[in-house]
Amino acid sequence: MGDEPELNNKRNGLIKEDLVAFTIFASIEKAATKKMVERILGVISNWLRFAKNAEVNSHHRSEVKMRYG
């Protein structure tokens, strides 16, 4: 997968606290942070459904799910 972005000095194993740390660094308001983190976690938890709807190859769907969540 190549050049994945880093967040909180990590490329893998990100947790909710890493997302919150980024929003503090970026001076994002607390209410906006909560909405943003909830949305990101929702997308991650529904990855397979979104990927299937977008017709992502089944091999790539599984690879991303195994690697990121």
N, C-alpha and C. Protein backbone atom coordinates (compact mmCIF):
# COMPACT_ATOMS: atom_id res chain seq x y z
N MET A 1 0.80 -1.20 0.00
CA MET A 1 0.00 0.00 0.00
C MET A 1 0.84 1.26 0.00
N GLY A 2 2.10 1.22 0.22
CA GLY A 2 2.95 2.36 -0.04
C GLY A 2 3.04 3.40 1.04
N ASP A 3 2.75 4.64 0.68
CA ASP A 3 2.98 5.79 1.55
C ASP A 3 1.74 6.19 2.34
N GLU A 4 1.39 5.40 3.33
CA GLU A 4 0.25 5.75 4.17
C GLU A 4 0.61 6.97 5.01
N PRO A 5 -0.37 7.83 5.27
CA PRO A 5 -0.10 8.99 6.12
C PRO A 5 0.11 8.56 7.57
N GLU A 6 0.83 9.38 8.30
CA GLU A 6 1.05 9.16 9.72
C GLU A 6 0.13 10.05 10.53
N LEU A 7 -0.28 9.56 11.67
CA LEU A 7 -1.07 10.35 12.61
C LEU A 7 -0.55 10.03 14.00
N ASN A 8 -0.14 11.05 14.71
CA ASN A 8 0.39 10.87 16.07
C ASN A 8 1.59 9.91 16.05
N ASN A 9 2.43 10.05 15.02
CA ASN A 9 3.63 9.23 14.82
C ASN A 9 3.33 7.75 14.60
N LYS A 10 2.14 7.44 14.08
CA LYS A 10 1.75 6.05 13.82
C LYS A 10 1.21 5.93 12.41
N ARG A 11 1.38 4.76 11.83
CA ARG A 11 0.75 4.43 10.56
C ARG A 11 -0.27 3.32 10.75
N ASN A 12 -0.10 2.54 11.79
CA ASN A 12 -1.00 1.43 12.09
C ASN A 12 -1.38 1.48 13.56
N GLY A 13 -2.45 0.81 13.90
CA GLY A 13 -2.84 0.71 15.30
C GLY A 13 -3.37 2.00 15.89
N LEU A 14 -3.92 2.85 15.05
CA LEU A 14 -4.48 4.10 15.56
C LEU A 14 -5.68 3.82 16.45
N ILE A 15 -5.81 4.61 17.48
CA ILE A 15 -6.95 4.50 18.38
C ILE A 15 -7.63 5.86 18.49
N LYS A 16 -8.77 5.87 19.11
CA LYS A 16 -9.56 7.10 19.24
C LYS A 16 -8.72 8.25 19.81
N GLU A 17 -7.88 7.96 20.78
CA GLU A 17 -7.06 9.00 21.40
C GLU A 17 -6.09 9.64 20.41
N ASP A 18 -5.65 8.88 19.41
CA ASP A 18 -4.77 9.44 18.38
C ASP A 18 -5.52 10.48 17.55
N LEU A 19 -6.78 10.18 17.24
CA LEU A 19 -7.59 11.13 16.48
C LEU A 19 -7.84 12.40 17.30
N VAL A 20 -8.13 12.22 18.58
CA VAL A 20 -8.36 13.38 19.45
C VAL A 20 -7.08 14.21 19.58
N ALA A 21 -5.94 13.55 19.70
CA ALA A 21 -4.66 14.28 19.79
C ALA A 21 -4.43 15.13 18.55
N PHE A 22 -4.79 14.60 17.38
CA PHE A 22 -4.66 15.37 16.16
C PHE A 22 -5.55 16.59 16.18
N THR A 23 -6.78 16.44 16.63
CA THR A 23 -7.70 17.59 16.62
C THR A 23 -7.24 18.67 17.59
N ILE A 24 -6.62 18.27 18.69
CA ILE A 24 -6.07 19.26 19.63
C ILE A 24 -4.92 20.00 18.95
N PHE A 25 -4.04 19.25 18.28
CA PHE A 25 -2.92 19.84 17.55
C PHE A 25 -3.42 20.82 16.49
N ALA A 26 -4.52 20.46 15.82
CA ALA A 26 -5.05 21.28 14.74
C ALA A 26 -6.02 22.37 15.24
N SER A 27 -6.15 22.50 16.54
CA SER A 27 -7.03 23.51 17.16
C SER A 27 -8.47 23.40 16.69
N ILE A 28 -8.97 22.18 16.63
CA ILE A 28 -10.37 21.94 16.25
C ILE A 28 -11.20 21.92 17.52
N GLU A 29 -12.36 22.58 17.49
CA GLU A 29 -13.22 22.67 18.67
C GLU A 29 -13.66 21.30 19.16
N LYS A 30 -13.93 21.22 20.47
CA LYS A 30 -14.28 19.95 21.10
C LYS A 30 -15.54 19.32 20.49
N ALA A 31 -16.57 20.12 20.24
CA ALA A 31 -17.81 19.58 19.66
C ALA A 31 -17.56 19.03 18.26
N ALA A 32 -16.78 19.75 17.48
CA ALA A 32 -16.46 19.30 16.13
C ALA A 32 -15.59 18.03 16.19
N THR A 33 -14.71 17.97 17.17
CA THR A 33 -13.87 16.79 17.35
C THR A 33 -14.72 15.56 17.61
N LYS A 34 -15.69 15.69 18.50
CA LYS A 34 -16.54 14.55 18.83
C LYS A 34 -17.28 14.05 17.59
N LYS A 35 -17.86 14.96 16.83
CA LYS A 35 -18.58 14.58 15.61
C LYS A 35 -17.64 13.91 14.61
N MET A 36 -16.46 14.48 14.44
CA MET A 36 -15.50 13.96 13.48
C MET A 36 -15.05 12.56 13.86
N VAL A 37 -14.70 12.35 15.12
CA VAL A 37 -14.23 11.05 15.58
C VAL A 37 -15.34 10.01 15.45
N GLU A 38 -16.57 10.37 15.81
CA GLU A 38 -17.69 9.44 15.69
C GLU A 38 -17.91 9.05 14.23
N ARG A 39 -17.79 10.00 13.34
CA ARG A 39 -17.99 9.72 11.92
C ARG A 39 -16.89 8.80 11.38
N ILE A 40 -15.65 9.08 11.74
CA ILE A 40 -14.53 8.26 11.30
C ILE A 40 -14.70 6.82 11.81
N LEU A 41 -15.02 6.68 13.08
CA LEU A 41 -15.20 5.34 13.65
C LEU A 41 -16.37 4.62 13.00
N GLY A 42 -17.42 5.36 12.64
CA GLY A 42 -18.55 4.76 11.95
C GLY A 42 -18.17 4.24 10.58
N VAL A 43 -17.39 5.01 9.86
CA VAL A 43 -16.93 4.59 8.53
C VAL A 43 -16.05 3.34 8.65
N ILE A 44 -15.14 3.36 9.60
CA ILE A 44 -14.25 2.21 9.78
C ILE A 44 -15.05 0.96 10.12
N SER A 45 -16.03 1.09 11.00
CA SER A 45 -16.79 -0.09 11.40
C SER A 45 -17.67 -0.62 10.27
N ASN A 46 -17.97 0.22 9.29
CA ASN A 46 -18.80 -0.19 8.15
C ASN A 46 -17.98 -0.34 6.87
N TRP A 47 -16.68 -0.47 6.99
CA TRP A 47 -15.79 -0.51 5.83
C TRP A 47 -16.23 -1.52 4.78
N LEU A 48 -16.50 -2.75 5.20
CA LEU A 48 -16.82 -3.80 4.22
C LEU A 48 -18.07 -3.46 3.42
N ARG A 49 -19.07 -2.90 4.08
CA ARG A 49 -20.30 -2.52 3.38
C ARG A 49 -20.03 -1.39 2.39
N PHE A 50 -19.33 -0.36 2.83
CA PHE A 50 -19.01 0.77 1.95
C PHE A 50 -18.18 0.30 0.76
N ALA A 51 -17.17 -0.52 1.03
CA ALA A 51 -16.29 -0.99 -0.03
C ALA A 51 -17.05 -1.86 -1.03
N LYS A 52 -17.94 -2.70 -0.54
CA LYS A 52 -18.73 -3.54 -1.44
C LYS A 52 -19.64 -2.68 -2.31
N ASN A 53 -20.29 -1.68 -1.70
CA ASN A 53 -21.15 -0.78 -2.46
C ASN A 53 -20.37 0.00 -3.52
N ALA A 54 -19.11 0.28 -3.23
CA ALA A 54 -18.26 1.00 -4.18
C ALA A 54 -17.57 0.06 -5.16
N GLU A 55 -17.92 -1.22 -5.07
CA GLU A 55 -17.38 -2.26 -5.96
C GLU A 55 -15.86 -2.40 -5.86
N VAL A 56 -15.35 -2.26 -4.64
CA VAL A 56 -13.94 -2.52 -4.40
C VAL A 56 -13.73 -4.03 -4.50
N ASN A 57 -12.67 -4.43 -5.17
CA ASN A 57 -12.32 -5.84 -5.34
C ASN A 57 -12.34 -6.54 -3.98
N SER A 58 -12.92 -7.75 -3.93
CA SER A 58 -13.06 -8.47 -2.65
C SER A 58 -11.71 -8.72 -1.98
N HIS A 59 -10.67 -8.99 -2.77
CA HIS A 59 -9.33 -9.18 -2.18
C HIS A 59 -8.87 -7.90 -1.47
N HIS A 60 -9.06 -6.75 -2.11
CA HIS A 60 -8.65 -5.48 -1.50
C HIS A 60 -9.51 -5.14 -0.29
N ARG A 61 -10.80 -5.45 -0.36
CA ARG A 61 -11.68 -5.21 0.81
C ARG A 61 -11.14 -5.97 2.02
N SER A 62 -10.83 -7.24 1.81
CA SER A 62 -10.35 -8.07 2.92
C SER A 62 -8.99 -7.62 3.41
N GLU A 63 -8.11 -7.24 2.47
CA GLU A 63 -6.77 -6.79 2.85
C GLU A 63 -6.84 -5.53 3.71
N VAL A 64 -7.66 -4.59 3.31
CA VAL A 64 -7.79 -3.34 4.09
C VAL A 64 -8.42 -3.65 5.45
N LYS A 65 -9.43 -4.48 5.48
CA LYS A 65 -10.08 -4.84 6.75
C LYS A 65 -9.09 -5.48 7.70
N MET A 66 -8.27 -6.40 7.21
CA MET A 66 -7.26 -7.06 8.06
C MET A 66 -6.22 -6.06 8.55
N ARG A 67 -5.81 -5.16 7.67
CA ARG A 67 -4.72 -4.25 7.99
C ARG A 67 -5.15 -3.10 8.91
N TYR A 68 -6.36 -2.60 8.70
CA TYR A 68 -6.76 -1.39 9.43
C TYR A 68 -7.97 -1.55 10.33
N GLY A 69 -8.61 -2.67 10.31
CA GLY A 69 -9.68 -2.69 11.25
C GLY A 69 -10.75 -3.65 11.12
